[in-house]
């Protein structure tokens, strides 16, 4: 996986080295992308943070608003400021619940920590593994489904060709930009996305931007 740092001040902040090539190819072959991509100038996908932190934050943010998730994450960091598997397991379910986490989410965070501690998942090898192999490992962890795993591939590993068909934002972006707002099926989405290979991540990111011009920070 090729990445490059975007800023010498923060070596953890990365952008994909393929981005400019992907933009050029998508604009050549897709008339919607040709109109959409230039609207966002130099904005592009960036990744920050380690695997455990990214996944813990994803679990905490499930099924709640962005504002609520941000507040809960800050309370979590008061209990586990380093956000390491060892710190989480030492904190225990009661302390995690004290951050406002539901009993189920506290169990999920502890399961995540236990998988990392027991090395039943291999985040140090994910950068070299195929997308589906990474997803298969992550699905062992309670609270992580395919959508969360695909978001990890996009925002942490910066994989270029992920198509998250369970993502409502992607389906809405395709609906608005390709079907004049008419509902689209997963089959419709696959058909449109066939023209984006091998840069489906990049096209997906621009469709998200068409709905929400400010990029998400992971």
C-alpha atoms as a PDB file:
ATOM      1  CA  UNK A   1       0.000   0.000   0.000  1.00  0.00           C
ATOM      2  CA  UNK A   2       1.521   3.291  -1.029  1.00  0.00           C
ATOM      3  CA  UNK A   3       0.915   6.397   1.024  1.00  0.00           C
ATOM      4  CA  UNK A   4       2.697   9.688   1.520  1.00  0.00           C
ATOM      5  CA  UNK A   5       2.587  12.137   4.374  1.00  0.00           C
ATOM      6  CA  UNK A   6       0.574  15.270   3.774  1.00  0.00           C
ATOM      7  CA  UNK A   7       2.298  17.327   6.427  1.00  0.00           C
ATOM      8  CA  UNK A   8       5.746  17.082   8.018  1.00  0.00           C
ATOM      9  CA  UNK A   9       4.189  18.408  11.224  1.00  0.00           C
ATOM     10  CA  UNK A  10       1.998  15.317  11.582  1.00  0.00           C
ATOM     11  CA  UNK A  11       3.508  12.151  10.097  1.00  0.00           C
ATOM     12  CA  UNK A  12       0.365  10.214  11.040  1.00  0.00           C
ATOM     13  CA  UNK A  13      -1.719  12.201   8.556  1.00  0.00           C
ATOM     14  CA  UNK A  14      -1.530  10.403   5.237  1.00  0.00           C
ATOM     15  CA  UNK A  15      -2.943  10.773   1.751  1.00  0.00           C
ATOM     16  CA  UNK A  16      -2.969   8.091  -0.951  1.00  0.00           C
ATOM     17  CA  UNK A  17      -0.286   8.419  -3.602  1.00  0.00           C
ATOM     18  CA  UNK A  18      -2.721   7.189  -6.277  1.00  0.00           C
ATOM     19  CA  UNK A  19      -5.193  10.069  -5.856  1.00  0.00           C
ATOM     20  CA  UNK A  20      -4.168  12.262  -8.795  1.00  0.00           C
ATOM     21  CA  UNK A  21      -3.968   9.307 -11.187  1.00  0.00           C
ATOM     22  CA  UNK A  22      -7.381   8.119 -10.035  1.00  0.00           C
ATOM     23  CA  UNK A  23      -8.946  11.559 -10.515  1.00  0.00           C
ATOM     24  CA  UNK A  24      -7.561  11.779 -14.036  1.00  0.00           C
ATOM     25  CA  UNK A  25      -8.766   8.311 -15.022  1.00  0.00           C
ATOM     26  CA  UNK A  26     -12.237   8.792 -13.536  1.00  0.00           C
ATOM     27  CA  UNK A  27     -12.714  12.118 -15.308  1.00  0.00           C
ATOM     28  CA  UNK A  28     -11.698  10.574 -18.632  1.00  0.00           C
ATOM     29  CA  UNK A  29     -14.168   7.718 -18.502  1.00  0.00           C
ATOM     30  CA  UNK A  30     -17.150   8.987 -16.451  1.00  0.00           C
ATOM     31  CA  UNK A  31     -19.080  12.105 -17.417  1.00  0.00           C
ATOM     32  CA  UNK A  32     -20.495  12.590 -13.900  1.00  0.00           C
ATOM     33  CA  UNK A  33     -17.040  12.404 -12.336  1.00  0.00           C
ATOM     34  CA  UNK A  34     -15.786  14.823 -14.980  1.00  0.00           C
ATOM     35  CA  UNK A  35     -18.204  17.430 -13.604  1.00  0.00           C
ATOM     36  CA  UNK A  36     -18.020  16.467  -9.945  1.00  0.00           C
ATOM     37  CA  UNK A  37     -14.311  16.100  -9.176  1.00  0.00           C
ATOM     38  CA  UNK A  38     -13.226  19.649 -10.148  1.00  0.00           C
ATOM     39  CA  UNK A  39     -15.778  21.098  -7.712  1.00  0.00           C
ATOM     40  CA  UNK A  40     -13.653  20.005  -4.757  1.00  0.00           C
ATOM     41  CA  UNK A  41     -10.251  21.335  -5.788  1.00  0.00           C
ATOM     42  CA  UNK A  42      -7.431  19.884  -3.722  1.00  0.00           C
ATOM     43  CA  UNK A  43      -9.638  18.154  -1.146  1.00  0.00           C
ATOM     44  CA  UNK A  44      -8.840  14.469  -0.877  1.00  0.00           C
ATOM     45  CA  UNK A  45      -9.066  11.421   1.338  1.00  0.00           C
ATOM     46  CA  UNK A  46      -6.744  11.461   4.347  1.00  0.00           C
ATOM     47  CA  UNK A  47      -6.066   8.884   7.047  1.00  0.00           C
ATOM     48  CA  UNK A  48      -4.953   9.376  10.621  1.00  0.00           C
ATOM     49  CA  UNK A  49      -4.583   7.147  13.659  1.00  0.00           C
ATOM     50  CA  UNK A  50      -3.711   3.567  14.439  1.00  0.00           C
ATOM     51  CA  UNK A  51      -5.887   0.538  13.846  1.00  0.00           C
ATOM     52  CA  UNK A  52      -7.087   0.003  17.419  1.00  0.00           C
ATOM     53  CA  UNK A  53      -8.053   3.654  17.919  1.00  0.00           C
ATOM     54  CA  UNK A  54      -9.871   3.786  14.591  1.00  0.00           C
ATOM     55  CA  UNK A  55     -11.908   0.665  15.337  1.00  0.00           C
ATOM     56  CA  UNK A  56     -12.697   1.678  18.916  1.00  0.00           C
ATOM     57  CA  UNK A  57     -13.972   5.027  17.685  1.00  0.00           C
ATOM     58  CA  UNK A  58     -16.043   3.326  14.978  1.00  0.00           C
ATOM     59  CA  UNK A  59     -17.733   1.088  17.544  1.00  0.00           C
ATOM     60  CA  UNK A  60     -18.445   3.986  19.897  1.00  0.00           C
ATOM     61  CA  UNK A  61     -19.969   6.007  17.050  1.00  0.00           C
ATOM     62  CA  UNK A  62     -22.348   3.318  15.814  1.00  0.00           C
ATOM     63  CA  UNK A  63     -26.031   4.313  15.564  1.00  0.00           C
ATOM     64  CA  UNK A  64     -25.636   7.700  17.258  1.00  0.00           C
ATOM     65  CA  UNK A  65     -25.229  11.225  15.906  1.00  0.00           C
ATOM     66  CA  UNK A  66     -21.804  12.635  15.068  1.00  0.00           C
ATOM     67  CA  UNK A  67     -22.132  15.144  17.923  1.00  0.00           C
ATOM     68  CA  UNK A  68     -23.065  12.465  20.460  1.00  0.00           C
ATOM     69  CA  UNK A  69     -20.271  10.198  19.215  1.00  0.00           C
ATOM     70  CA  UNK A  70     -17.693  12.973  19.597  1.00  0.00           C
ATOM     71  CA  UNK A  71     -18.797  13.703  23.168  1.00  0.00           C
ATOM     72  CA  UNK A  72     -18.748  10.024  24.096  1.00  0.00           C
ATOM     73  CA  UNK A  73     -15.309   9.574  22.553  1.00  0.00           C
ATOM     74  CA  UNK A  74     -13.935  12.401  24.704  1.00  0.00           C
ATOM     75  CA  UNK A  75     -15.371  10.782  27.841  1.00  0.00           C
ATOM     76  CA  UNK A  76     -13.853   7.474  26.768  1.00  0.00           C
ATOM     77  CA  UNK A  77     -10.434   9.140  26.418  1.00  0.00           C
ATOM     78  CA  UNK A  78     -10.704  10.418  29.994  1.00  0.00           C
ATOM     79  CA  UNK A  79     -10.817   6.780  31.126  1.00  0.00           C
ATOM     80  CA  UNK A  80      -8.413   5.416  28.472  1.00  0.00           C
ATOM     81  CA  UNK A  81      -6.250   8.387  27.408  1.00  0.00           C
ATOM     82  CA  UNK A  82      -3.763   6.243  25.461  1.00  0.00           C
ATOM     83  CA  UNK A  83      -6.518   4.100  23.912  1.00  0.00           C
ATOM     84  CA  UNK A  84      -4.509   0.893  24.019  1.00  0.00           C
ATOM     85  CA  UNK A  85      -5.907  -2.648  24.343  1.00  0.00           C
ATOM     86  CA  UNK A  86      -4.228  -3.053  27.748  1.00  0.00           C
ATOM     87  CA  UNK A  87      -5.702   0.197  29.053  1.00  0.00           C
ATOM     88  CA  UNK A  88      -9.175  -0.786  27.880  1.00  0.00           C
ATOM     89  CA  UNK A  89      -9.084  -4.221  29.511  1.00  0.00           C
ATOM     90  CA  UNK A  90      -7.759  -2.731  32.745  1.00  0.00           C
ATOM     91  CA  UNK A  91     -10.580  -0.187  32.741  1.00  0.00           C
ATOM     92  CA  UNK A  92     -13.196  -2.944  32.527  1.00  0.00           C
ATOM     93  CA  UNK A  93     -16.848  -2.909  31.625  1.00  0.00           C
ATOM     94  CA  UNK A  94     -18.000  -0.790  34.573  1.00  0.00           C
ATOM     95  CA  UNK A  95     -15.647   2.100  33.823  1.00  0.00           C
ATOM     96  CA  UNK A  96     -16.496   1.948  30.129  1.00  0.00           C
ATOM     97  CA  UNK A  97     -20.187   2.083  30.949  1.00  0.00           C
ATOM     98  CA  UNK A  98     -19.416   5.160  33.044  1.00  0.00           C
ATOM     99  CA  UNK A  99     -18.367   6.917  29.818  1.00  0.00           C
ATOM    100  CA  UNK A 100     -21.949   6.600  28.621  1.00  0.00           C
ATOM    101  CA  UNK A 101     -21.399   3.457  26.578  1.00  0.00           C
ATOM    102  CA  UNK A 102     -24.236   0.950  26.474  1.00  0.00           C
ATOM    103  CA  UNK A 103     -23.544  -2.443  28.004  1.00  0.00           C
ATOM    104  CA  UNK A 104     -23.319  -3.906  24.496  1.00  0.00           C
ATOM    105  CA  UNK A 105     -20.837  -1.301  23.227  1.00  0.00           C
ATOM    106  CA  UNK A 106     -18.695  -1.751  26.334  1.00  0.00           C
ATOM    107  CA  UNK A 107     -18.632  -5.494  25.582  1.00  0.00           C
ATOM    108  CA  UNK A 108     -17.689  -4.778  21.961  1.00  0.00           C
ATOM    109  CA  UNK A 109     -14.791  -2.504  22.975  1.00  0.00           C
ATOM    110  CA  UNK A 110     -13.524  -5.126  25.412  1.00  0.00           C
ATOM    111  CA  UNK A 111     -13.813  -7.842  22.739  1.00  0.00           C
ATOM    112  CA  UNK A 112     -11.832  -5.630  20.357  1.00  0.00           C
ATOM    113  CA  UNK A 113      -9.123  -5.149  22.992  1.00  0.00           C
ATOM    114  CA  UNK A 114      -8.992  -8.874  23.753  1.00  0.00           C
ATOM    115  CA  UNK A 115      -8.575  -9.753  20.061  1.00  0.00           C
ATOM    116  CA  UNK A 116      -5.694  -7.302  19.754  1.00  0.00           C
ATOM    117  CA  UNK A 117      -4.032  -8.555  22.964  1.00  0.00           C
ATOM    118  CA  UNK A 118      -4.447 -12.224  22.006  1.00  0.00           C
ATOM    119  CA  UNK A 119      -3.173 -11.505  18.473  1.00  0.00           C
ATOM    120  CA  UNK A 120      -6.117 -13.311  16.904  1.00  0.00           C
ATOM    121  CA  UNK A 121      -6.150 -10.407  14.463  1.00  0.00           C
ATOM    122  CA  UNK A 122      -2.997  -9.115  12.783  1.00  0.00           C
ATOM    123  CA  UNK A 123      -3.159  -5.328  12.249  1.00  0.00           C
ATOM    124  CA  UNK A 124       0.585  -5.208  11.618  1.00  0.00           C
ATOM    125  CA  UNK A 125      -0.005  -7.374   8.522  1.00  0.00           C
ATOM    126  CA  UNK A 126      -3.201  -5.738   7.223  1.00  0.00           C
ATOM    127  CA  UNK A 127      -1.322  -3.326   4.962  1.00  0.00           C
ATOM    128  CA  UNK A 128       0.012  -6.299   2.964  1.00  0.00           C
ATOM    129  CA  UNK A 129      -3.176  -8.388   3.011  1.00  0.00           C
ATOM    130  CA  UNK A 130      -5.945  -8.450   0.403  1.00  0.00           C
ATOM    131  CA  UNK A 131      -9.098  -6.461   1.175  1.00  0.00           C
ATOM    132  CA  UNK A 132     -11.292  -9.520   1.710  1.00  0.00           C
ATOM    133  CA  UNK A 133      -8.722 -11.164   3.980  1.00  0.00           C
ATOM    134  CA  UNK A 134      -8.616  -8.054   6.174  1.00  0.00           C
ATOM    135  CA  UNK A 135     -12.414  -7.966   6.293  1.00  0.00           C
ATOM    136  CA  UNK A 136     -12.555 -11.659   7.260  1.00  0.00           C
ATOM    137  CA  UNK A 137     -10.231 -11.048  10.215  1.00  0.00           C
ATOM    138  CA  UNK A 138     -12.151  -7.992  11.376  1.00  0.00           C
ATOM    139  CA  UNK A 139     -15.493  -9.808  11.244  1.00  0.00           C
ATOM    140  CA  UNK A 140     -14.248 -12.031  14.096  1.00  0.00           C
ATOM    141  CA  UNK A 141     -14.607  -9.026  16.408  1.00  0.00           C
ATOM    142  CA  UNK A 142     -18.008  -8.437  18.000  1.00  0.00           C
ATOM    143  CA  UNK A 143     -19.627  -5.197  16.888  1.00  0.00           C
ATOM    144  CA  UNK A 144     -17.725  -5.010  13.601  1.00  0.00           C
ATOM    145  CA  UNK A 145     -19.707  -5.783  10.472  1.00  0.00           C
ATOM    146  CA  UNK A 146     -18.784  -5.529   6.839  1.00  0.00           C
ATOM    147  CA  UNK A 147     -19.618  -1.808   6.598  1.00  0.00           C
ATOM    148  CA  UNK A 148     -17.297  -0.932   9.495  1.00  0.00           C
ATOM    149  CA  UNK A 149     -14.564  -3.096   7.979  1.00  0.00           C
ATOM    150  CA  UNK A 150     -14.957  -1.384   4.604  1.00  0.00           C
ATOM    151  CA  UNK A 151     -14.794   2.054   6.227  1.00  0.00           C
ATOM    152  CA  UNK A 152     -11.551   0.925   7.869  1.00  0.00           C
ATOM    153  CA  UNK A 153     -10.167  -0.152   4.499  1.00  0.00           C
ATOM    154  CA  UNK A 154     -11.022   3.275   3.091  1.00  0.00           C
ATOM    155  CA  UNK A 155     -10.091   5.618   5.924  1.00  0.00           C
ATOM    156  CA  UNK A 156      -7.248   3.784   7.655  1.00  0.00           C
ATOM    157  CA  UNK A 157      -5.620   1.574   5.022  1.00  0.00           C
ATOM    158  CA  UNK A 158      -6.490   3.934   2.119  1.00  0.00           C
ATOM    159  CA  UNK A 159      -7.411   1.043  -0.174  1.00  0.00           C
ATOM    160  CA  UNK A 160      -8.221   2.354  -3.681  1.00  0.00           C
ATOM    161  CA  UNK A 161     -10.979   0.018  -4.856  1.00  0.00           C
ATOM    162  CA  UNK A 162     -13.534  -0.409  -2.045  1.00  0.00           C
ATOM    163  CA  UNK A 163     -17.243  -0.246  -2.936  1.00  0.00           C
ATOM    164  CA  UNK A 164     -19.284  -0.124   0.308  1.00  0.00           C
ATOM    165  CA  UNK A 165     -22.676  -1.241  -1.005  1.00  0.00           C
ATOM    166  CA  UNK A 166     -24.204  -1.121   2.495  1.00  0.00           C
ATOM    167  CA  UNK A 167     -23.411   2.588   2.777  1.00  0.00           C
ATOM    168  CA  UNK A 168     -26.517   4.740   2.467  1.00  0.00           C
ATOM    169  CA  UNK A 169     -24.442   7.773   1.492  1.00  0.00           C
ATOM    170  CA  UNK A 170     -22.970   5.967  -1.502  1.00  0.00           C
ATOM    171  CA  UNK A 171     -26.396   4.801  -2.680  1.00  0.00           C
ATOM    172  CA  UNK A 172     -27.850   8.279  -2.236  1.00  0.00           C
ATOM    173  CA  UNK A 173     -24.891   9.844  -4.072  1.00  0.00           C
ATOM    174  CA  UNK A 174     -25.430   7.496  -7.017  1.00  0.00           C
ATOM    175  CA  UNK A 175     -29.168   8.197  -6.922  1.00  0.00           C
ATOM    176  CA  UNK A 176     -28.737  11.983  -6.954  1.00  0.00           C
ATOM    177  CA  UNK A 177     -25.895  12.154  -9.469  1.00  0.00           C
ATOM    178  CA  UNK A 178     -26.721   9.305 -11.873  1.00  0.00           C
ATOM    179  CA  UNK A 179     -30.474   8.643 -11.561  1.00  0.00           C
ATOM    180  CA  UNK A 180     -31.980  12.120 -11.000  1.00  0.00           C
ATOM    181  CA  UNK A 181     -32.890  11.215  -7.426  1.00  0.00           C
ATOM    182  CA  UNK A 182     -34.657   7.946  -8.219  1.00  0.00           C
ATOM    183  CA  UNK A 183     -34.009   5.116  -5.723  1.00  0.00           C
ATOM    184  CA  UNK A 184     -31.174   2.763  -6.694  1.00  0.00           C
ATOM    185  CA  UNK A 185     -30.546  -0.876  -5.850  1.00  0.00           C
ATOM    186  CA  UNK A 186     -27.249  -2.510  -5.006  1.00  0.00           C
ATOM    187  CA  UNK A 187     -27.327  -3.952  -8.525  1.00  0.00           C
ATOM    188  CA  UNK A 188     -27.684  -0.436  -9.989  1.00  0.00           C
ATOM    189  CA  UNK A 189     -24.758   0.705  -7.843  1.00  0.00           C
ATOM    190  CA  UNK A 190     -22.560  -2.166  -9.022  1.00  0.00           C
ATOM    191  CA  UNK A 191     -23.371  -1.382 -12.636  1.00  0.00           C
ATOM    192  CA  UNK A 192     -22.437   2.293 -12.257  1.00  0.00           C
ATOM    193  CA  UNK A 193     -19.307   1.428 -10.270  1.00  0.00           C
ATOM    194  CA  UNK A 194     -18.030  -1.013 -12.883  1.00  0.00           C
ATOM    195  CA  UNK A 195     -16.819   2.041 -14.789  1.00  0.00           C
ATOM    196  CA  UNK A 196     -14.759   3.215 -11.794  1.00  0.00           C
ATOM    197  CA  UNK A 197     -12.457   0.189 -11.441  1.00  0.00           C
ATOM    198  CA  UNK A 198      -9.851   0.149  -9.961  1.00  0.00           C
ATOM    199  CA  UNK A 199     -10.629   3.464  -8.220  1.00  0.00           C
ATOM    200  CA  UNK A 200     -14.015   2.795  -6.621  1.00  0.00           C
ATOM    201  CA  UNK A 201     -12.887   4.284  -3.292  1.00  0.00           C
ATOM    202  CA  UNK A 202     -12.090   7.587  -4.976  1.00  0.00           C
ATOM    203  CA  UNK A 203     -15.401   7.771  -6.830  1.00  0.00           C
ATOM    204  CA  UNK A 204     -17.253   6.877  -3.631  1.00  0.00           C
ATOM    205  CA  UNK A 205     -15.437   9.647  -1.748  1.00  0.00           C
ATOM    206  CA  UNK A 206     -16.481  12.245  -4.339  1.00  0.00           C
ATOM    207  CA  UNK A 207     -20.086  11.079  -4.193  1.00  0.00           C
ATOM    208  CA  UNK A 208     -19.977  11.514  -0.407  1.00  0.00           C
ATOM    209  CA  UNK A 209     -18.603  15.013  -0.933  1.00  0.00           C
ATOM    210  CA  UNK A 210     -21.443  15.816  -3.334  1.00  0.00           C
ATOM    211  CA  UNK A 211     -23.823  15.278  -0.396  1.00  0.00           C
ATOM    212  CA  UNK A 212     -21.574  16.738   2.324  1.00  0.00           C
ATOM    213  CA  UNK A 213     -18.843  19.055   1.005  1.00  0.00           C
ATOM    214  CA  UNK A 214     -16.756  18.875   4.204  1.00  0.00           C
ATOM    215  CA  UNK A 215     -14.613  15.746   4.399  1.00  0.00           C
ATOM    216  CA  UNK A 216     -14.936  13.463   7.411  1.00  0.00           C
ATOM    217  CA  UNK A 217     -12.015  13.124   9.793  1.00  0.00           C
ATOM    218  CA  UNK A 218     -11.305   9.593  10.831  1.00  0.00           C
END
